[in-house]
Amino acid sequence: MIVGLDVGGTHTDVVVLQGREIVSKVKLPTDQVNLLDTVCSGISEATKDLDPQSIERVVVSTTLATNAIVQEKTEPVGILVASGPGVNPNAFTIGDHYYVVSGAIDHRGQEIAPINDEEVLEIGRKLRSEDVRNLALVSKFSIRNPSHELKMRDLLADNFETVTLGHQVSGHLNFARRIATAYLNGAVARISGEFYKAVRGCLEQEGIQIPLEILKADGGTMAQESSIQYAVETILSGPAASVMGTLAFTDPSKEEVVLDIGGTTTDIAILVDGVPLLKPLGIRMGGYNTLVRALRTVSIGVGGDSWVRLENGHLKIGPERRGRALAYGGSEPTPTDALVTLDTVQGGQKQRAIDGIHRLAEQLGKGVEETAKAIVEKSCSLIIEAVNALVNRVNQQPVYTIHELLEGRTIQPSGIIVIGGPAKEIAPWLQAVSGLQVRVPSEYEVANAIGAAVARTTCEVTVLADTSRGYVCAPEEGYLDRIGKEASKQEVVQIAFALLRKKAHRLGADKDNLEMELLEDSEFNMVQGFYTVGRDIRVRAQIKPGLISPYREAAV
């Protein structure tokens, strides 16, 4: 059996699966003040009648890191940047503890200026005096040679709780994005690490003695032990969970939109040929461009519990949320109250919902039912407008899926898949507004938790070879070796696949779910005078995001 947990802003869902059968499922309100209590309660309830020894896998997705960044509740980070000539590192200043230090590596990985030990140690003392507990260390071209980042780590690590190294966050070349990614990782590393450690404790209390896995933004998972080093990769794991939860219900011959309608937001994604779109270079988070690979999703502030009010005589829905719907004890009218008023949603205190909609109706000079319909239609219109805007943006750029670049492809969705609490009730309204076929998969209420449970482990490696200097390396993996001057690109590809396999196992991947592929394989002749003296070879490989067996076969 496998367990999936999705900790959302409004609800926390837990499912236990055996094969394709749901053994148990739990949905409970998320207590943002006592988040861990919510998670522990969900685990306990979902597994109370099960043999702990029968559980083989547990995966959690959570908005923890995303919310910390968006709500500016991150921890201070001391960031030391070694740049060198040709660029002004002060242009990339981030946070309140940003220091530029001496030392430089050139584009081929050769040192052109050393690190100043005393300068670094002095900055470390200053950061400690300011009670900064997290470090991010970044050197330009560190993916060609990480020695300066490693040197700074050796000088400072003993005095700090978390240390993020720039060359470990991504194999891509982009100095500004690397700085931002390393900083954000440091800002959420301790928060995330402590939370996942506590979740592991909840599992142990229930007798579940297996490793915990975390869902990442690209729709894959990683082991709990990596949650500090790669904490930033867990941002947007909630939208990723919703996408992965729909893959088993897709038609690989179609282009479809995925809508996950929650209490606070609606997450939007697009599936092409049965697979999601990807942001391969990196997403923007907290106002910064990063190197975090992620599924291409958009979140808008329209959900079942969005605050409905009048502004300048017109209905305004979201993006604020003022608690639960009136029908369920809240203080302000919501789209859920409109659905309750129309008898589309059953349950709750119907009269409280009607009274709230009635107050709006009086201000509009309309009837209660007419006002309720207007609220639902406007909610759907806002969602479909966001869908159309996403499709337009996608069609203005190269289209990347999690598997490939679709050159010249124009996306034209033919249908919508809706999941989330109100999916079944709102689907007919969305179909009327969009004109597209709208369908609701089975177990739509807990699809996010299912997506977390069945996502396979993913990772990526970048390998660089310089045959003129006789070395091959993958700095983010701590790999460096000699290579012959006549070495071929295919030899480097085989090295990349071997490192990828090793990394995937370290992150918790099942050896039977290693679907590897090349993302990049390029080589350039290096010329000195009139002669070729060697080749510069660059290879990137990944484990494809997707579903573990037997769910993978069902999605084809």
Protein backbone atom coordinates (compact mmCIF):
# COMPACT_ATOMS: atom_id res chain seq x y z
CA MET A 1 0.00 0.00 0.00
CA ILE A 2 1.06 3.60 -0.62
CA VAL A 3 0.04 6.80 1.14
CA GLY A 4 -0.34 10.26 -0.36
CA LEU A 5 -0.77 13.49 1.64
CA ASP A 6 -1.61 16.88 0.20
CA VAL A 7 -1.46 19.76 2.68
CA GLY A 8 -3.39 22.61 1.05
CA GLY A 9 -4.25 26.05 2.29
CA THR A 10 -7.87 25.10 3.00
CA HIS A 11 -7.94 21.31 3.32
CA THR A 12 -5.50 18.49 3.98
CA ASP A 13 -6.18 15.24 2.14
CA VAL A 14 -4.76 11.79 2.88
CA VAL A 15 -5.32 8.68 0.76
CA VAL A 16 -4.14 5.09 1.09
CA LEU A 17 -3.94 3.12 -2.17
CA GLN A 18 -3.55 -0.57 -2.82
CA GLY A 19 -3.01 -1.02 -6.51
CA ARG A 20 -5.62 1.24 -8.10
CA GLU A 21 -8.06 0.81 -5.22
CA ILE A 22 -8.52 3.48 -2.54
CA VAL A 23 -8.36 1.72 0.82
CA SER A 24 -9.10 4.84 2.87
CA LYS A 25 -9.29 8.59 2.43
CA VAL A 26 -9.52 11.55 4.79
CA LYS A 27 -10.26 15.23 4.16
CA LEU A 28 -9.98 17.69 7.03
CA PRO A 29 -9.59 21.48 7.41
CA THR A 30 -5.99 22.70 7.42
CA ASP A 31 -5.07 24.48 10.63
CA GLN A 32 -2.38 26.91 9.45
CA VAL A 33 -1.42 27.72 13.03
CA ASN A 34 -0.96 24.05 13.94
CA LEU A 35 -0.07 22.59 10.55
CA LEU A 36 1.68 19.55 11.96
CA ASP A 37 -1.34 18.64 14.11
CA THR A 38 -3.46 18.58 10.97
CA VAL A 39 -1.02 16.29 9.18
CA CYS A 40 -0.66 13.92 12.13
CA SER A 41 -4.43 13.72 12.56
CA GLY A 42 -4.89 12.93 8.88
CA ILE A 43 -2.26 10.19 8.92
CA SER A 44 -3.68 8.65 12.08
CA GLU A 45 -7.24 8.65 10.77
CA ALA A 46 -6.36 7.26 7.32
CA THR A 47 -4.19 4.42 8.63
CA LYS A 48 -5.95 3.52 11.90
CA ASP A 49 -7.29 0.15 10.70
CA LEU A 50 -4.25 -0.83 8.62
CA ASP A 51 -1.18 -2.92 9.29
CA PRO A 52 1.74 -0.42 9.35
CA GLN A 53 4.03 -3.10 7.89
CA SER A 54 1.91 -3.19 4.72
CA ILE A 55 2.66 0.44 3.83
CA GLU A 56 5.51 0.67 1.33
CA ARG A 57 5.56 4.34 0.32
CA VAL A 58 4.52 7.73 1.77
CA VAL A 59 4.66 10.97 -0.24
CA VAL A 60 3.64 14.45 0.94
CA SER A 61 2.98 17.63 -1.02
CA THR A 62 2.60 20.90 0.84
CA THR A 63 2.30 24.65 0.34
CA LEU A 64 4.71 25.24 3.24
CA ALA A 65 7.69 26.59 1.27
CA THR A 66 5.50 28.48 -1.21
CA ASN A 67 3.53 30.20 1.54
CA ALA A 68 6.70 31.11 3.45
CA ILE A 69 8.10 32.86 0.38
CA VAL A 70 4.87 34.52 -0.76
CA GLN A 71 3.95 35.68 2.76
CA GLU A 72 7.55 36.83 3.44
CA LYS A 73 7.85 34.52 6.45
CA THR A 74 11.21 33.07 5.46
CA GLU A 75 14.35 32.98 7.62
CA PRO A 76 17.33 35.34 7.16
CA VAL A 77 20.06 34.09 4.85
CA GLY A 78 23.66 35.20 4.69
CA ILE A 79 24.68 35.03 1.05
CA LEU A 80 28.30 35.25 -0.09
CA VAL A 81 28.92 35.75 -3.80
CA ALA A 82 32.25 35.39 -5.62
CA SER A 83 32.02 36.84 -9.11
CA GLY A 84 35.20 38.12 -10.74
CA PRO A 85 35.66 40.45 -13.71
CA GLY A 86 33.03 41.05 -16.36
CA VAL A 87 29.94 41.34 -14.19
CA ASN A 88 28.79 43.50 -11.30
CA PRO A 89 27.42 41.10 -8.65
CA ASN A 90 25.83 44.00 -6.78
CA ALA A 91 23.23 44.06 -9.55
CA PHE A 92 21.90 40.79 -8.14
CA THR A 93 21.66 41.84 -4.49
CA ILE A 94 19.03 39.85 -2.61
CA GLY A 95 18.05 39.81 1.07
CA ASP A 96 19.48 41.83 3.96
CA HIS A 97 22.78 39.97 4.34
CA TYR A 98 24.37 40.01 0.88
CA TYR A 99 28.17 40.07 0.61
CA VAL A 100 30.43 40.14 -2.44
CA VAL A 101 33.77 38.46 -1.76
CA SER A 102 37.02 38.24 -3.71
CA GLY A 103 37.77 35.18 -5.80
CA ALA A 104 36.91 34.20 -9.38
CA ILE A 105 36.58 31.16 -11.66
CA ASP A 106 36.56 31.58 -15.45
CA HIS A 107 34.14 29.97 -17.92
CA ARG A 108 36.42 26.93 -18.35
CA GLY A 109 36.61 26.31 -14.60
CA GLN A 110 40.10 27.74 -14.04
CA GLU A 111 40.80 29.88 -10.98
CA ILE A 112 41.82 33.44 -11.84
CA ALA A 113 41.62 34.89 -8.31
CA PRO A 114 41.64 32.99 -4.97
CA ILE A 115 39.20 33.18 -2.09
CA ASN A 116 40.38 35.41 0.77
CA ASP A 117 40.00 33.22 3.86
CA GLU A 118 40.07 36.01 6.43
CA GLU A 119 37.51 38.06 4.49
CA VAL A 120 35.11 35.10 4.47
CA LEU A 121 35.69 34.33 8.16
CA GLU A 122 35.02 37.96 9.12
CA ILE A 123 31.71 37.93 7.24
CA GLY A 124 30.84 34.69 9.01
CA ARG A 125 31.49 36.26 12.42
CA LYS A 126 29.33 39.24 11.50
CA LEU A 127 26.46 37.01 10.36
CA ARG A 128 26.61 34.99 13.57
CA SER A 129 26.51 38.17 15.64
CA GLU A 130 23.30 39.07 13.78
CA ASP A 131 21.82 35.62 14.58
CA VAL A 132 21.75 34.51 10.93
CA ARG A 133 21.60 30.71 10.89
CA ASN A 134 21.41 29.96 7.17
CA LEU A 135 24.08 30.39 4.48
CA ALA A 136 24.02 30.47 0.68
CA LEU A 137 27.39 30.40 -1.10
CA VAL A 138 27.59 31.13 -4.83
CA SER A 139 30.54 31.44 -7.19
CA LYS A 140 30.16 32.29 -10.87
CA PHE A 141 30.87 29.28 -13.10
CA SER A 142 30.73 27.01 -10.05
CA ILE A 143 29.13 24.29 -12.18
CA ARG A 144 32.49 24.19 -14.02
CA ASN A 145 34.51 24.29 -10.82
CA PRO A 146 32.88 24.40 -7.37
CA SER A 147 36.14 24.80 -5.42
CA HIS A 148 35.40 28.34 -4.23
CA GLU A 149 31.97 27.40 -2.90
CA LEU A 150 33.46 24.35 -1.21
CA LYS A 151 36.25 26.44 0.30
CA MET A 152 33.78 28.94 1.78
CA ARG A 153 31.68 26.06 3.10
CA ASP A 154 34.69 24.50 4.81
CA LEU A 155 35.49 27.83 6.46
CA LEU A 156 31.97 28.58 7.70
CA ALA A 157 29.73 25.50 7.82
CA ASP A 158 30.39 24.54 11.46
CA ASN A 159 28.81 27.78 12.67
CA PHE A 160 25.57 27.64 10.66
CA GLU A 161 22.55 25.33 10.63
CA THR A 162 22.01 25.12 6.86
CA VAL A 163 24.41 25.76 3.99
CA THR A 164 23.26 25.96 0.36
CA LEU A 165 25.87 25.71 -2.40
CA GLY A 166 25.11 27.32 -5.74
CA HIS A 167 26.52 24.50 -7.86
CA GLN A 168 24.16 22.01 -6.21
CA VAL A 169 20.88 23.80 -6.97
CA SER A 170 21.07 23.32 -10.76
CA GLY A 171 23.38 22.34 -13.61
CA HIS A 172 22.24 25.32 -15.70
CA LEU A 173 24.44 28.33 -16.39
CA ASN A 174 22.74 31.52 -15.18
CA PHE A 175 24.48 33.52 -12.48
CA ALA A 176 21.56 35.76 -11.47
CA ARG A 177 19.07 32.89 -11.29
CA ARG A 178 21.59 30.76 -9.36
CA ILE A 179 22.00 33.47 -6.73
CA ALA A 180 18.23 33.83 -6.31
CA THR A 181 17.69 30.06 -6.19
CA ALA A 182 20.41 29.51 -3.60
CA TYR A 183 19.06 32.37 -1.49
CA LEU A 184 15.46 31.09 -1.56
CA ASN A 185 16.65 27.59 -0.76
CA GLY A 186 18.45 28.90 2.31
CA ALA A 187 15.40 30.94 3.28
CA VAL A 188 13.13 27.87 3.51
CA ALA A 189 15.65 25.07 4.17
CA ARG A 190 15.38 24.92 7.96
CA ILE A 191 11.61 25.51 7.96
CA SER A 192 11.07 22.70 5.48
CA GLY A 193 13.58 20.36 7.07
CA GLU A 194 12.04 20.66 10.53
CA PHE A 195 8.52 20.16 9.18
CA TYR A 196 9.35 17.03 7.21
CA LYS A 197 11.30 15.65 10.14
CA ALA A 198 8.21 16.14 12.31
CA VAL A 199 5.98 14.45 9.70
CA ARG A 200 8.38 11.52 9.78
CA GLY A 201 7.83 11.46 13.53
CA CYS A 202 4.05 11.27 12.99
CA LEU A 203 4.53 8.24 10.75
CA GLU A 204 6.71 6.53 13.34
CA GLN A 205 4.05 7.11 15.99
CA GLU A 206 1.68 5.11 13.81
CA GLY A 207 4.29 2.36 13.46
CA ILE A 208 5.15 3.28 9.84
CA GLN A 209 8.91 2.78 9.65
CA ILE A 210 9.68 3.75 6.04
CA PRO A 211 11.37 6.78 4.41
CA LEU A 212 9.24 9.83 3.67
CA GLU A 213 9.23 11.30 0.16
CA ILE A 214 8.46 14.91 -0.82
CA LEU A 215 6.71 16.05 -4.02
CA LYS A 216 8.64 18.62 -6.05
CA ALA A 217 7.54 21.37 -8.40
CA ASP A 218 8.33 19.26 -11.49
CA GLY A 219 5.85 16.57 -10.47
CA GLY A 220 8.50 14.16 -9.19
CA THR A 221 9.53 13.18 -5.68
CA MET A 222 12.68 13.24 -3.59
CA ALA A 223 13.68 11.65 -0.30
CA GLN A 224 13.18 13.50 2.99
CA GLU A 225 16.96 13.53 3.53
CA SER A 226 17.25 15.88 0.53
CA SER A 227 14.63 18.33 1.83
CA ILE A 228 17.25 20.78 3.14
CA GLN A 229 19.67 20.67 0.23
CA TYR A 230 16.85 20.97 -2.30
CA ALA A 231 14.12 22.65 -0.21
CA VAL A 232 13.39 25.25 -2.88
CA GLU A 233 12.33 22.48 -5.29
CA THR A 234 9.23 21.84 -3.16
CA ILE A 235 7.67 25.20 -3.97
CA LEU A 236 4.52 24.80 -6.05
CA SER A 237 4.28 21.12 -5.10
CA GLY A 238 0.54 21.65 -4.53
CA PRO A 239 -0.22 22.52 -8.18
CA ALA A 240 2.15 19.72 -9.24
CA ALA A 241 0.12 17.25 -7.15
CA SER A 242 -3.11 18.26 -8.87
CA VAL A 243 -1.56 17.72 -12.30
CA MET A 244 -0.08 14.33 -11.40
CA GLY A 245 -3.42 13.31 -9.92
CA THR A 246 -5.16 13.75 -13.27
CA LEU A 247 -2.64 11.92 -15.47
CA ALA A 248 -4.32 8.55 -15.03
CA PHE A 249 -7.56 10.04 -16.32
CA THR A 250 -6.23 11.73 -19.46
CA ASP A 251 -6.61 10.87 -23.11
CA PRO A 252 -3.11 10.93 -24.65
CA SER A 253 -4.54 12.00 -28.01
CA LYS A 254 -6.00 15.24 -26.61
CA GLU A 255 -4.99 18.63 -25.32
CA GLU A 256 -6.83 19.32 -22.07
CA VAL A 257 -6.90 21.90 -19.30
CA VAL A 258 -6.63 20.81 -15.66
CA LEU A 259 -8.46 22.91 -13.06
CA ASP A 260 -7.95 22.26 -9.36
CA ILE A 261 -10.54 24.39 -7.56
CA GLY A 262 -9.73 24.80 -3.89
CA GLY A 263 -11.05 27.01 -1.16
CA THR A 264 -8.67 29.91 -1.79
CA THR A 265 -7.29 29.45 -5.31
CA THR A 266 -7.77 27.67 -8.60
CA ASP A 267 -4.66 26.05 -10.08
CA ILE A 268 -4.53 25.79 -13.87
CA ALA A 269 -2.37 23.52 -16.04
CA ILE A 270 -2.39 22.20 -19.60
CA LEU A 271 -1.86 18.61 -20.74
CA VAL A 272 -0.60 17.94 -24.26
CA ASP A 273 -0.70 14.35 -25.56
CA GLY A 274 -1.42 13.24 -22.01
CA VAL A 275 1.58 14.94 -20.37
CA PRO A 276 1.93 18.33 -18.62
CA LEU A 277 3.76 21.40 -19.85
CA LEU A 278 7.03 22.37 -18.19
CA LYS A 279 9.00 25.51 -17.35
CA PRO A 280 12.44 23.99 -18.11
CA LEU A 281 14.70 26.93 -17.26
CA GLY A 282 12.97 27.83 -14.02
CA ILE A 283 9.99 29.55 -12.44
CA ARG A 284 9.56 33.01 -10.95
CA MET A 285 8.91 33.02 -7.21
CA GLY A 286 8.88 35.79 -4.63
CA GLY A 287 9.71 38.36 -7.30
CA TYR A 288 12.84 36.49 -8.48
CA ASN A 289 13.63 34.32 -11.48
CA THR A 290 14.96 30.95 -10.32
CA LEU A 291 16.48 27.76 -11.72
CA VAL A 292 13.71 25.59 -10.23
CA ARG A 293 12.24 23.35 -12.93
CA ALA A 294 8.48 23.14 -12.51
CA LEU A 295 5.32 22.09 -14.23
CA ARG A 296 3.80 25.06 -16.00
CA THR A 297 0.88 26.11 -13.81
CA VAL A 298 -0.96 29.30 -12.91
CA SER A 299 -2.82 30.00 -9.68
CA ILE A 300 -5.56 32.62 -9.43
CA GLY A 301 -7.35 33.90 -6.34
CA VAL A 302 -10.74 32.39 -7.10
CA GLY A 303 -11.97 29.44 -5.05
CA GLY A 304 -14.97 28.09 -3.23
CA ASP A 305 -14.31 30.28 -0.19
CA SER A 306 -13.31 33.48 -2.02
CA TRP A 307 -14.75 36.63 -0.49
CA VAL A 308 -17.72 37.95 -2.52
CA ARG A 309 -18.62 41.64 -2.13
CA LEU A 310 -19.61 44.70 -4.15
CA GLU A 311 -17.12 47.27 -5.41
CA ASN A 312 -18.48 50.29 -7.27
CA GLY A 313 -21.80 48.52 -7.68
CA HIS A 314 -20.31 45.39 -9.24
CA LEU A 315 -19.62 41.91 -7.92
CA LYS A 316 -16.03 41.37 -6.82
CA ILE A 317 -14.82 37.80 -6.19
CA GLY A 318 -11.49 37.15 -4.44
CA PRO A 319 -8.58 37.12 -4.37
CA GLU A 320 -9.02 37.55 -0.59
CA ARG A 321 -10.49 34.82 1.55
CA ARG A 322 -12.25 35.73 4.80
CA GLY A 323 -12.55 32.22 6.19
CA ARG A 324 -15.03 29.49 5.35
CA ALA A 325 -18.36 29.95 3.61
CA LEU A 326 -21.28 31.34 5.62
CA ALA A 327 -22.99 27.96 5.32
CA TYR A 328 -20.09 26.41 7.20
CA GLY A 329 -19.60 28.99 9.92
CA GLY A 330 -17.84 31.79 8.06
CA SER A 331 -18.50 35.52 8.20
CA GLU A 332 -18.68 36.61 4.54
CA PRO A 333 -20.52 35.33 1.44
CA THR A 334 -18.63 33.08 -0.98
CA PRO A 335 -19.22 31.21 -4.26
CA THR A 336 -19.92 28.12 -2.12
CA ASP A 337 -22.79 30.03 -0.47
CA ALA A 338 -24.15 30.83 -3.93
CA LEU A 339 -24.10 27.12 -4.81
CA VAL A 340 -25.78 26.25 -1.49
CA THR A 341 -28.45 28.87 -2.16
CA LEU A 342 -29.12 27.32 -5.57
CA ASP A 343 -29.37 23.82 -3.99
CA THR A 344 -26.39 22.75 -6.10
CA VAL A 345 -24.34 22.04 -2.97
CA GLN A 346 -26.09 20.16 -0.17
CA GLY A 347 -25.21 20.48 3.49
CA GLY A 348 -24.24 23.26 5.83
CA GLN A 349 -26.53 25.96 7.17
CA LYS A 350 -28.48 26.87 4.06
CA GLN A 351 -30.32 29.80 5.63
CA ARG A 352 -27.04 31.52 6.57
CA ALA A 353 -25.93 31.21 2.94
CA ILE A 354 -29.24 32.59 1.66
CA ASP A 355 -29.11 35.51 4.08
CA GLY A 356 -25.60 36.44 2.92
CA ILE A 357 -26.55 36.30 -0.76
CA HIS A 358 -29.74 38.23 0.05
CA ARG A 359 -27.69 41.15 1.42
CA LEU A 360 -25.76 41.34 -1.85
CA ALA A 361 -28.96 40.98 -3.87
CA GLU A 362 -30.54 43.96 -2.09
CA GLN A 363 -27.54 46.14 -2.92
CA LEU A 364 -27.70 45.04 -6.56
CA GLY A 365 -31.47 45.42 -6.79
CA LYS A 366 -31.85 41.80 -7.92
CA GLY A 367 -33.41 38.60 -6.64
CA VAL A 368 -31.54 36.13 -4.45
CA GLU A 369 -31.46 33.34 -7.06
CA GLU A 370 -30.41 35.73 -9.82
CA THR A 371 -27.59 37.05 -7.65
CA ALA A 372 -26.44 33.54 -6.73
CA LYS A 373 -26.32 32.58 -10.41
CA ALA A 374 -24.38 35.76 -11.23
CA ILE A 375 -21.78 34.91 -8.55
CA VAL A 376 -21.22 31.38 -9.89
CA GLU A 377 -21.10 32.55 -13.52
CA LYS A 378 -18.64 35.32 -12.69
CA SER A 379 -16.43 32.88 -10.79
CA CYS A 380 -16.37 30.57 -13.80
CA SER A 381 -15.73 33.46 -16.18
CA LEU A 382 -12.70 34.57 -14.15
CA ILE A 383 -11.32 31.02 -14.27
CA ILE A 384 -11.86 30.63 -18.02
CA GLU A 385 -10.32 34.06 -18.69
CA ALA A 386 -7.22 32.88 -16.84
CA VAL A 387 -7.22 29.64 -18.86
CA ASN A 388 -7.37 31.57 -22.15
CA ALA A 389 -4.60 33.90 -21.00
CA LEU A 390 -2.37 30.93 -20.14
CA VAL A 391 -3.03 29.29 -23.51
CA ASN A 392 -2.17 32.55 -25.30
CA ARG A 393 1.09 32.91 -23.36
CA VAL A 394 2.06 29.31 -24.07
CA ASN A 395 1.45 29.78 -27.79
CA GLN A 396 3.75 32.81 -27.89
CA GLN A 397 6.75 30.75 -26.71
CA PRO A 398 8.35 27.38 -27.46
CA VAL A 399 6.12 24.64 -26.03
CA TYR A 400 7.92 22.32 -23.62
CA THR A 401 6.31 19.26 -22.10
CA ILE A 402 7.95 17.18 -19.39
CA HIS A 403 9.26 14.93 -22.18
CA GLU A 404 10.18 17.13 -25.12
CA LEU A 405 10.16 20.41 -26.99
CA LEU A 406 7.18 20.61 -29.36
CA GLU A 407 8.46 22.93 -32.05
CA GLY A 408 5.81 24.82 -33.99
CA ARG A 409 2.97 23.34 -31.91
CA THR A 410 -0.10 25.51 -31.31
CA ILE A 411 -2.10 24.51 -28.25
CA GLN A 412 -5.89 24.34 -28.63
CA PRO A 413 -7.48 22.59 -25.63
CA SER A 414 -10.54 20.52 -26.46
CA GLY A 415 -11.68 19.81 -22.92
CA ILE A 416 -11.34 20.53 -19.21
CA ILE A 417 -10.68 18.16 -16.32
CA VAL A 418 -11.90 19.54 -12.97
CA ILE A 419 -10.79 18.33 -9.55
CA GLY A 420 -11.11 19.72 -6.03
CA GLY A 421 -13.94 19.93 -3.50
CA PRO A 422 -16.56 21.79 -5.59
CA ALA A 423 -15.59 20.17 -8.92
CA LYS A 424 -18.73 18.11 -9.44
CA GLU A 425 -21.09 20.97 -8.62
CA ILE A 426 -19.34 23.64 -10.67
CA ALA A 427 -18.52 21.53 -13.74
CA PRO A 428 -21.83 22.26 -15.60
CA TRP A 429 -21.33 25.99 -15.07
CA LEU A 430 -17.77 25.84 -16.40
CA GLN A 431 -18.96 23.92 -19.45
CA ALA A 432 -21.62 26.54 -20.17
CA VAL A 433 -19.14 29.42 -19.85
CA SER A 434 -16.25 27.81 -21.74
CA GLY A 435 -18.08 25.88 -24.44
CA LEU A 436 -15.66 22.99 -23.84
CA GLN A 437 -16.45 19.49 -22.66
CA VAL A 438 -15.89 19.39 -18.89
CA ARG A 439 -15.40 16.14 -17.03
CA VAL A 440 -14.86 15.25 -13.39
CA PRO A 441 -12.74 12.15 -12.65
CA SER A 442 -13.61 9.71 -9.92
CA GLU A 443 -12.16 10.60 -6.51
CA TYR A 444 -11.92 14.22 -7.65
CA GLU A 445 -12.01 15.44 -4.05
CA VAL A 446 -8.68 13.82 -3.15
CA ALA A 447 -6.97 13.84 -6.55
CA ASN A 448 -4.06 15.92 -5.20
CA ALA A 449 -3.22 13.34 -2.56
CA ILE A 450 -3.46 10.61 -5.20
CA GLY A 451 -1.10 12.61 -7.43
CA ALA A 452 1.46 12.83 -4.64
CA ALA A 453 1.18 9.11 -3.89
CA VAL A 454 1.74 7.90 -7.45
CA ALA A 455 4.39 10.37 -8.70
CA ARG A 456 7.76 8.84 -9.51
CA THR A 457 11.11 10.16 -8.25
CA THR A 458 12.72 12.62 -10.66
CA CYS A 459 16.10 14.31 -10.92
CA GLU A 460 18.53 15.79 -13.42
CA VAL A 461 22.30 15.83 -13.90
CA THR A 462 24.63 17.93 -16.04
CA VAL A 463 28.02 16.56 -17.13
CA LEU A 464 30.77 18.69 -18.67
CA ALA A 465 33.88 17.43 -20.45
CA ASP A 466 36.90 19.39 -21.64
CA THR A 467 39.01 16.97 -23.69
CA SER A 468 41.82 19.50 -24.21
CA ARG A 469 42.39 19.61 -20.45
CA GLY A 470 41.51 15.96 -20.01
CA TYR A 471 38.74 16.14 -17.41
CA VAL A 472 35.04 15.35 -17.09
CA CYS A 473 32.93 16.66 -14.21
CA ALA A 474 29.47 17.02 -12.72
CA PRO A 475 30.08 19.52 -9.90
CA GLU A 476 26.53 19.38 -8.50
CA GLU A 477 27.11 15.65 -7.96
CA GLY A 478 30.65 16.03 -6.60
CA TYR A 479 32.04 14.12 -9.60
CA LEU A 480 35.44 14.78 -11.24
CA ASP A 481 37.50 12.37 -13.34
CA ARG A 482 40.06 12.20 -16.13
CA ILE A 483 39.01 11.71 -19.75
CA GLY A 484 41.01 11.06 -22.90
CA LYS A 485 41.58 13.68 -25.58
CA GLU A 486 39.75 11.48 -28.11
CA ALA A 487 36.75 10.85 -25.85
CA SER A 488 33.42 10.92 -27.67
CA LYS A 489 30.16 12.58 -26.77
CA GLN A 490 28.63 9.12 -26.35
CA GLU A 491 31.12 8.33 -23.57
CA VAL A 492 30.02 11.46 -21.73
CA VAL A 493 26.36 10.48 -22.21
CA GLN A 494 27.04 7.12 -20.57
CA ILE A 495 28.74 8.87 -17.63
CA ALA A 496 25.67 11.13 -17.30
CA PHE A 497 23.28 8.18 -17.25
CA ALA A 498 25.39 6.38 -14.62
CA LEU A 499 25.42 9.47 -12.39
CA LEU A 500 21.70 9.99 -12.96
CA ARG A 501 20.93 6.44 -11.91
CA LYS A 502 23.04 6.84 -8.77
CA LYS A 503 21.40 10.17 -7.89
CA ALA A 504 17.89 8.79 -8.44
CA HIS A 505 18.57 5.90 -6.08
CA ARG A 506 19.91 8.34 -3.48
CA LEU A 507 16.72 10.41 -3.75
CA GLY A 508 14.55 7.36 -3.18
CA ALA A 509 13.70 6.18 -6.71
CA ASP A 510 12.48 2.67 -7.40
CA LYS A 511 14.98 0.91 -9.66
CA ASP A 512 12.07 -0.18 -11.87
CA ASN A 513 10.96 3.43 -12.48
CA LEU A 514 14.09 4.96 -14.02
CA GLU A 515 12.90 6.21 -17.39
CA MET A 516 15.96 8.22 -18.38
CA GLU A 517 16.30 10.63 -21.30
CA LEU A 518 18.71 13.20 -22.72
CA LEU A 519 17.71 16.84 -22.43
CA GLU A 520 20.83 18.21 -24.08
CA ASP A 521 23.94 16.81 -25.78
CA SER A 522 26.18 19.35 -27.46
CA GLU A 523 29.86 19.60 -28.37
CA PHE A 524 32.06 22.36 -29.72
CA ASN A 525 35.58 22.24 -31.09
CA MET A 526 38.12 24.33 -29.18
CA VAL A 527 40.60 25.96 -31.52
CA GLN A 528 44.05 27.30 -30.70
CA GLY A 529 45.74 29.04 -33.55
CA PHE A 530 44.70 27.09 -36.63
CA TYR A 531 44.29 23.74 -34.92
CA THR A 532 41.55 21.92 -33.00
CA VAL A 533 42.97 21.15 -29.57
CA GLY A 534 39.95 19.41 -28.07
CA ARG A 535 36.20 19.48 -27.57
CA ASP A 536 33.88 21.04 -25.03
CA ILE A 537 31.06 18.53 -24.43
CA ARG A 538 27.90 19.25 -22.39
CA VAL A 539 25.27 16.62 -21.56
CA ARG A 540 22.07 16.96 -19.50
CA ALA A 541 19.91 13.97 -18.63
CA GLN A 542 16.80 13.48 -16.50
CA ILE A 543 14.44 10.93 -15.05
CA LYS A 544 11.15 11.75 -16.76
CA PRO A 545 8.35 12.93 -14.49
CA GLY A 546 5.48 10.48 -14.54
CA LEU A 547 3.59 7.86 -12.57
CA ILE A 548 4.87 4.78 -10.81
CA SER A 549 3.62 1.37 -11.93
CA PRO A 550 0.78 0.29 -12.17
CA TYR A 551 -0.58 3.82 -12.55
CA ARG A 552 1.81 4.57 -15.43
CA GLU A 553 0.23 1.93 -17.65
CA ALA A 554 -3.26 3.17 -16.88
CA ALA A 555 -2.39 6.67 -18.06
CA VAL A 556 -1.34 5.56 -21.56
